[in-house]
Amino acid sequence: MPTDIGHREKWPLALDILDDLTAWGVAPRVVLADTAYRTNAAFRSALTQRGLGYVLSVRSDVTAPPSTRCPRHPLAKAPTDAGPSPATARHS
């Protein structure tokens, strides 16, 4: 390998190839990728920015909630109407 060329990760190389295909007028309708790409948010974001649909392989032990479920922040507290806390009430 020439000394002026360093290591590049696979996903930027894949984007370069996709960009070349698009420039040649043969942009893919959808990108298929193995599990090495599935956890790479930068890769998925770059595909979305390019307007490319994608299907990424996932491991068999990955689960996902139903689409009707609304995610909640784990530290979010439910609203209460209990009034001021005892510490606030003492200093009022």
N, C-alpha and C. Protein backbone atom coordinates (compact mmCIF):
# COMPACT_ATOMS: atom_id res chain seq x y z
N MET A 1 0.85 -1.16 0.00
CA MET A 1 0.00 0.00 0.00
C MET A 1 0.91 1.24 0.00
N PRO A 2 0.61 2.20 -0.84
CA PRO A 2 1.40 3.44 -0.85
C PRO A 2 1.33 4.14 0.50
N THR A 3 2.41 4.77 0.91
CA THR A 3 2.46 5.42 2.22
C THR A 3 1.53 6.62 2.32
N ASP A 4 1.17 7.25 1.19
CA ASP A 4 0.29 8.41 1.26
C ASP A 4 -1.19 8.03 1.36
N ILE A 5 -1.49 6.75 1.30
CA ILE A 5 -2.87 6.27 1.43
C ILE A 5 -2.99 5.55 2.76
N GLY A 6 -3.87 6.04 3.61
CA GLY A 6 -4.06 5.41 4.91
C GLY A 6 -5.30 4.53 4.92
N HIS A 7 -5.57 3.98 6.07
CA HIS A 7 -6.74 3.13 6.25
C HIS A 7 -8.02 3.98 6.20
N ARG A 8 -9.04 3.47 5.54
CA ARG A 8 -10.38 4.07 5.57
C ARG A 8 -11.36 2.98 5.94
N GLU A 9 -12.34 3.36 6.72
CA GLU A 9 -13.37 2.39 7.08
C GLU A 9 -14.19 2.01 5.86
N LYS A 10 -14.89 0.88 5.96
CA LYS A 10 -15.67 0.38 4.82
C LYS A 10 -16.81 1.30 4.43
N TRP A 11 -17.49 1.89 5.42
CA TRP A 11 -18.69 2.65 5.08
C TRP A 11 -18.42 3.90 4.24
N PRO A 12 -17.31 4.67 4.47
CA PRO A 12 -17.06 5.79 3.56
C PRO A 12 -16.69 5.31 2.15
N LEU A 13 -16.02 4.17 2.06
CA LEU A 13 -15.71 3.60 0.75
C LEU A 13 -17.01 3.22 0.03
N ALA A 14 -17.94 2.64 0.76
CA ALA A 14 -19.23 2.27 0.17
C ALA A 14 -19.96 3.51 -0.33
N LEU A 15 -19.91 4.59 0.44
CA LEU A 15 -20.56 5.84 0.01
C LEU A 15 -19.90 6.39 -1.25
N ASP A 16 -18.58 6.30 -1.32
CA ASP A 16 -17.87 6.74 -2.53
C ASP A 16 -18.34 5.96 -3.75
N ILE A 17 -18.50 4.66 -3.60
CA ILE A 17 -18.96 3.82 -4.70
C ILE A 17 -20.38 4.23 -5.10
N LEU A 18 -21.24 4.44 -4.11
CA LEU A 18 -22.61 4.86 -4.41
C LEU A 18 -22.65 6.21 -5.11
N ASP A 19 -21.79 7.13 -4.68
CA ASP A 19 -21.71 8.43 -5.33
C ASP A 19 -21.23 8.31 -6.78
N ASP A 20 -20.26 7.42 -7.01
CA ASP A 20 -19.78 7.19 -8.37
C ASP A 20 -20.89 6.62 -9.25
N LEU A 21 -21.63 5.64 -8.73
CA LEU A 21 -22.74 5.06 -9.48
C LEU A 21 -23.77 6.12 -9.85
N THR A 22 -24.08 6.99 -8.89
CA THR A 22 -25.05 8.06 -9.13
C THR A 22 -24.53 9.00 -10.21
N ALA A 23 -23.25 9.36 -10.14
CA ALA A 23 -22.66 10.26 -11.14
C ALA A 23 -22.69 9.63 -12.53
N TRP A 24 -22.62 8.31 -12.61
CA TRP A 24 -22.65 7.60 -13.90
C TRP A 24 -24.08 7.37 -14.38
N GLY A 25 -25.07 7.80 -13.56
CA GLY A 25 -26.46 7.63 -13.96
C GLY A 25 -27.07 6.29 -13.63
N VAL A 26 -26.44 5.55 -12.76
CA VAL A 26 -26.96 4.23 -12.38
C VAL A 26 -27.11 4.11 -10.85
N ALA A 27 -27.76 5.12 -10.28
CA ALA A 27 -27.97 5.11 -8.82
C ALA A 27 -28.84 3.92 -8.44
N PRO A 28 -28.51 3.25 -7.37
CA PRO A 28 -29.33 2.10 -6.95
C PRO A 28 -30.69 2.57 -6.42
N ARG A 29 -31.68 1.73 -6.61
CA ARG A 29 -33.02 2.04 -6.06
C ARG A 29 -33.03 1.85 -4.55
N VAL A 30 -32.28 0.87 -4.10
CA VAL A 30 -32.19 0.58 -2.68
C VAL A 30 -30.80 0.00 -2.40
N VAL A 31 -30.29 0.27 -1.21
CA VAL A 31 -28.98 -0.24 -0.80
C VAL A 31 -29.21 -1.39 0.18
N LEU A 32 -28.57 -2.50 -0.08
CA LEU A 32 -28.61 -3.65 0.83
C LEU A 32 -27.25 -3.79 1.48
N ALA A 33 -27.24 -3.99 2.80
CA ALA A 33 -25.96 -4.09 3.50
C ALA A 33 -26.05 -5.13 4.62
N ASP A 34 -24.90 -5.67 4.98
CA ASP A 34 -24.86 -6.69 6.03
C ASP A 34 -24.83 -6.04 7.41
N THR A 35 -24.70 -6.88 8.43
CA THR A 35 -24.77 -6.40 9.81
C THR A 35 -23.64 -5.47 10.20
N ALA A 36 -22.55 -5.45 9.44
CA ALA A 36 -21.44 -4.54 9.75
C ALA A 36 -21.88 -3.08 9.63
N TYR A 37 -22.90 -2.79 8.84
CA TYR A 37 -23.36 -1.42 8.62
C TYR A 37 -24.56 -1.04 9.49
N ARG A 38 -25.25 -1.99 10.07
CA ARG A 38 -26.53 -1.72 10.72
C ARG A 38 -26.44 -0.78 11.92
N THR A 39 -25.34 -0.81 12.64
CA THR A 39 -25.22 0.04 13.82
C THR A 39 -24.54 1.37 13.53
N ASN A 40 -24.24 1.62 12.26
CA ASN A 40 -23.51 2.83 11.90
C ASN A 40 -24.48 3.94 11.53
N ALA A 41 -24.77 4.80 12.50
CA ALA A 41 -25.74 5.89 12.28
C ALA A 41 -25.25 6.86 11.21
N ALA A 42 -23.96 7.09 11.13
CA ALA A 42 -23.42 8.01 10.11
C ALA A 42 -23.68 7.46 8.71
N PHE A 43 -23.54 6.16 8.54
CA PHE A 43 -23.80 5.53 7.24
C PHE A 43 -25.27 5.65 6.88
N ARG A 44 -26.15 5.31 7.84
CA ARG A 44 -27.59 5.39 7.58
C ARG A 44 -28.00 6.83 7.27
N SER A 45 -27.46 7.77 8.01
CA SER A 45 -27.77 9.18 7.79
C SER A 45 -27.31 9.64 6.40
N ALA A 46 -26.12 9.21 5.99
CA ALA A 46 -25.59 9.58 4.67
C ALA A 46 -26.46 9.00 3.56
N LEU A 47 -26.97 7.78 3.75
CA LEU A 47 -27.87 7.20 2.75
C LEU A 47 -29.16 8.01 2.66
N THR A 48 -29.70 8.39 3.81
CA THR A 48 -30.92 9.19 3.84
C THR A 48 -30.70 10.54 3.17
N GLN A 49 -29.57 11.19 3.48
CA GLN A 49 -29.26 12.48 2.86
C GLN A 49 -29.15 12.38 1.34
N ARG A 50 -28.72 11.22 0.86
CA ARG A 50 -28.59 11.01 -0.59
C ARG A 50 -29.91 10.58 -1.22
N GLY A 51 -30.94 10.41 -0.41
CA GLY A 51 -32.23 9.98 -0.91
C GLY A 51 -32.29 8.52 -1.29
N LEU A 52 -31.39 7.72 -0.71
CA LEU A 52 -31.33 6.30 -1.01
C LEU A 52 -32.05 5.49 0.07
N GLY A 53 -32.95 4.62 -0.36
CA GLY A 53 -33.57 3.69 0.58
C GLY A 53 -32.57 2.61 0.93
N TYR A 54 -32.77 1.97 2.07
CA TYR A 54 -31.82 0.93 2.46
C TYR A 54 -32.49 -0.16 3.27
N VAL A 55 -31.92 -1.34 3.19
CA VAL A 55 -32.30 -2.49 4.00
C VAL A 55 -31.02 -3.03 4.59
N LEU A 56 -30.94 -3.06 5.92
CA LEU A 56 -29.73 -3.53 6.59
C LEU A 56 -30.03 -4.80 7.36
N SER A 57 -29.14 -5.73 7.28
CA SER A 57 -29.29 -6.99 8.00
C SER A 57 -29.16 -6.73 9.50
N VAL A 58 -29.91 -7.48 10.29
CA VAL A 58 -29.79 -7.38 11.74
C VAL A 58 -29.60 -8.79 12.31
N ARG A 59 -29.02 -8.84 13.48
CA ARG A 59 -28.84 -10.13 14.15
C ARG A 59 -30.20 -10.68 14.56
N SER A 60 -30.27 -11.96 14.76
CA SER A 60 -31.54 -12.61 15.11
C SER A 60 -32.00 -12.28 16.53
N ASP A 61 -31.11 -11.76 17.38
CA ASP A 61 -31.50 -11.48 18.76
C ASP A 61 -31.91 -10.01 18.97
N VAL A 62 -32.01 -9.23 17.91
CA VAL A 62 -32.42 -7.83 18.01
C VAL A 62 -33.93 -7.76 18.06
N THR A 63 -34.46 -6.94 18.97
CA THR A 63 -35.90 -6.76 19.08
C THR A 63 -36.25 -5.30 18.88
N ALA A 64 -37.48 -5.05 18.56
CA ALA A 64 -37.96 -3.68 18.38
C ALA A 64 -39.38 -3.59 18.91
N PRO A 65 -39.74 -2.46 19.52
CA PRO A 65 -41.11 -2.31 20.01
C PRO A 65 -42.06 -2.10 18.83
N PRO A 66 -43.34 -2.35 19.03
CA PRO A 66 -44.30 -2.10 17.96
C PRO A 66 -44.31 -0.63 17.56
N SER A 67 -44.67 -0.35 16.33
CA SER A 67 -44.65 1.04 15.85
C SER A 67 -45.66 1.93 16.56
N THR A 68 -46.62 1.35 17.23
CA THR A 68 -47.63 2.14 17.95
C THR A 68 -47.15 2.58 19.33
N ARG A 69 -46.04 2.06 19.78
CA ARG A 69 -45.53 2.40 21.11
C ARG A 69 -44.76 3.71 21.05
N CYS A 70 -44.99 4.57 22.02
CA CYS A 70 -44.32 5.86 22.09
C CYS A 70 -43.15 5.76 23.07
N PRO A 71 -41.91 6.00 22.62
CA PRO A 71 -40.77 5.89 23.54
C PRO A 71 -40.81 6.96 24.62
N ARG A 72 -40.29 6.62 25.77
CA ARG A 72 -40.23 7.54 26.90
C ARG A 72 -38.82 7.59 27.42
N HIS A 73 -38.37 8.75 27.81
CA HIS A 73 -37.04 8.87 28.40
C HIS A 73 -37.06 8.12 29.72
N PRO A 74 -36.03 7.29 29.99
CA PRO A 74 -36.05 6.48 31.21
C PRO A 74 -36.04 7.28 32.50
N LEU A 75 -35.57 8.50 32.46
CA LEU A 75 -35.52 9.30 33.68
C LEU A 75 -36.70 10.27 33.79
N ALA A 76 -37.60 10.24 32.84
CA ALA A 76 -38.75 11.14 32.86
C ALA A 76 -39.65 10.78 34.04
N LYS A 77 -40.12 11.79 34.73
CA LYS A 77 -41.02 11.56 35.86
C LYS A 77 -42.43 11.87 35.44
N ALA A 78 -43.36 11.10 35.94
CA ALA A 78 -44.76 11.35 35.65
C ALA A 78 -45.18 12.64 36.35
N PRO A 79 -46.02 13.45 35.71
CA PRO A 79 -46.47 14.69 36.36
C PRO A 79 -47.33 14.36 37.59
N THR A 80 -47.16 15.15 38.62
CA THR A 80 -47.96 14.95 39.84
C THR A 80 -48.57 16.28 40.25
N ASP A 81 -49.69 16.22 40.93
CA ASP A 81 -50.35 17.41 41.45
C ASP A 81 -50.32 17.37 42.98
N ALA A 82 -49.22 16.88 43.52
CA ALA A 82 -49.12 16.70 44.96
C ALA A 82 -48.78 17.99 45.69
N GLY A 83 -48.57 19.10 44.98
CA GLY A 83 -48.21 20.35 45.63
C GLY A 83 -46.72 20.43 45.88
N PRO A 84 -46.28 21.42 46.65
CA PRO A 84 -44.84 21.60 46.88
C PRO A 84 -44.27 20.45 47.71
N SER A 85 -42.99 20.21 47.49
CA SER A 85 -42.33 19.17 48.27
C SER A 85 -42.17 19.65 49.70
N PRO A 86 -41.98 18.75 50.67
CA PRO A 86 -41.81 19.17 52.08
C PRO A 86 -40.65 20.15 52.23
N ALA A 87 -39.56 19.98 51.49
CA ALA A 87 -38.43 20.89 51.62
C ALA A 87 -38.81 22.28 51.14
N THR A 88 -39.59 22.40 50.09
CA THR A 88 -40.03 23.69 49.58
C THR A 88 -41.00 24.33 50.56
N ALA A 89 -41.89 23.54 51.14
CA ALA A 89 -42.88 24.07 52.05
C ALA A 89 -42.23 24.66 53.30
N ARG A 90 -41.16 24.09 53.81
CA ARG A 90 -40.48 24.59 55.00
C ARG A 90 -39.86 25.94 54.77
N HIS A 91 -39.33 26.18 53.55
CA HIS A 91 -38.59 27.41 53.28
C HIS A 91 -39.47 28.50 52.68
N SER A 92 -40.77 28.31 52.65
CA SER A 92 -41.65 29.31 52.05
C SER A 92 -42.01 30.36 53.06
